[in-house]
Amino acid sequence: MRRYLLTALLLLSASAYASNTYRVGSEVLTVGDSAVRAMQLMGKPDFKEPVQSDYGGYQGERWQYARDDGRIVIITIINGKVSDIADRSR
């Protein structure tokens, strides 16, 4: 029983790690990279929206990129660094 639990936890941790990176050609964008690096790899965002704190203050921005394959990449920038990367279908 422990073996199955350990296997499930390892698979879950591997999928969580993979969501913190995004491959752009031969380069990789990772959480913790600067906003400048994200702009160099991804270009100018198609859409920007502000991210607010729990108290309503400005915290950062969420950048959206429409990809040619019909997917949308959402990069959250907090304090000038990439804090989250999401790759979603439309």
Protein backbone atom coordinates (compact mmCIF):
# COMPACT_ATOMS: atom_id res chain seq x y z
CA MET A 1 0.00 0.00 0.00
CA ARG A 2 2.87 2.38 0.79
CA ARG A 3 4.38 1.73 -2.62
CA TYR A 4 1.21 2.94 -4.36
CA LEU A 5 1.05 6.04 -2.18
CA LEU A 6 4.70 6.83 -2.86
CA THR A 7 4.22 6.35 -6.61
CA ALA A 8 1.18 8.64 -6.61
CA LEU A 9 3.05 11.33 -4.66
CA LEU A 10 6.04 11.16 -7.02
CA LEU A 11 3.81 11.53 -10.08
CA LEU A 12 2.01 14.45 -8.49
CA SER A 13 5.26 16.22 -7.61
CA ALA A 14 6.61 15.69 -11.14
CA SER A 15 3.53 17.29 -12.69
CA ALA A 16 3.74 20.23 -10.29
CA TYR A 17 7.38 20.79 -11.25
CA ALA A 18 6.63 20.67 -14.95
CA SER A 19 4.07 23.47 -14.64
CA ASN A 20 6.80 25.86 -13.48
CA THR A 21 8.65 25.81 -16.80
CA TYR A 22 7.79 26.61 -20.40
CA ARG A 23 9.90 25.75 -23.42
CA VAL A 24 10.32 28.47 -26.06
CA GLY A 25 12.29 27.01 -28.95
CA SER A 26 15.59 25.82 -27.47
CA GLU A 27 15.24 28.06 -24.39
CA VAL A 28 13.31 27.45 -21.16
CA LEU A 29 11.42 30.03 -19.12
CA THR A 30 11.17 29.13 -15.44
CA VAL A 31 9.51 30.55 -12.35
CA GLY A 32 11.95 33.01 -10.79
CA ASP A 33 13.22 34.39 -14.11
CA SER A 34 13.00 38.15 -14.57
CA ALA A 35 10.23 39.89 -16.48
CA VAL A 36 12.89 41.04 -18.96
CA ARG A 37 13.85 37.42 -19.67
CA ALA A 38 10.18 36.52 -20.19
CA MET A 39 9.81 39.42 -22.64
CA GLN A 40 12.98 38.37 -24.49
CA LEU A 41 11.72 34.80 -24.93
CA MET A 42 8.01 35.40 -25.46
CA GLY A 43 7.90 38.89 -26.98
CA LYS A 44 5.29 41.53 -26.24
CA PRO A 45 2.19 40.08 -24.54
CA ASP A 46 -1.09 40.00 -26.45
CA PHE A 47 -2.95 41.06 -23.31
CA LYS A 48 -1.95 42.40 -19.87
CA GLU A 49 -4.10 42.58 -16.77
CA PRO A 50 -3.22 43.79 -13.26
CA VAL A 51 -2.95 41.35 -10.37
CA GLN A 52 -4.32 42.65 -7.09
CA SER A 53 -3.37 41.65 -3.57
CA ASP A 54 -5.97 40.36 -1.11
CA TYR A 55 -6.46 43.95 0.05
CA GLY A 56 -7.01 45.37 -3.44
CA GLY A 57 -3.57 46.90 -4.01
CA TYR A 58 -1.48 46.45 -7.14
CA GLN A 59 0.74 43.39 -6.88
CA GLY A 60 1.87 42.68 -10.45
CA GLU A 61 0.64 41.74 -13.90
CA ARG A 62 -0.67 38.71 -15.74
CA TRP A 63 0.58 38.48 -19.32
CA GLN A 64 -1.32 36.41 -21.89
CA TYR A 65 0.14 35.05 -25.13
CA ALA A 66 -1.96 33.41 -27.86
CA ARG A 67 0.08 30.63 -29.50
CA ASP A 68 -0.33 29.46 -33.11
CA ASP A 69 -1.44 25.99 -31.99
CA GLY A 70 -4.56 27.38 -30.27
CA ARG A 71 -3.14 27.42 -26.76
CA ILE A 72 -2.82 30.37 -24.39
CA VAL A 73 0.23 30.86 -22.18
CA ILE A 74 -0.37 32.97 -19.06
CA ILE A 75 2.67 34.34 -17.23
CA THR A 76 2.18 36.03 -13.87
CA ILE A 77 4.76 38.70 -13.00
CA ILE A 78 5.09 39.69 -9.34
CA ASN A 79 7.79 42.15 -8.22
CA GLY A 80 9.52 41.94 -11.61
CA LYS A 81 9.87 38.14 -11.58
CA VAL A 82 7.91 35.27 -13.09
CA SER A 83 5.83 33.76 -10.29
CA ASP A 84 3.58 31.39 -12.28
CA ILE A 85 3.33 29.92 -15.77
CA ALA A 86 0.10 28.38 -17.07
CA ASP A 87 -0.37 26.73 -20.49
CA ARG A 88 -4.04 26.32 -21.34
CA SER A 89 -6.16 25.44 -24.32
CA ARG A 90 -8.68 28.01 -25.56
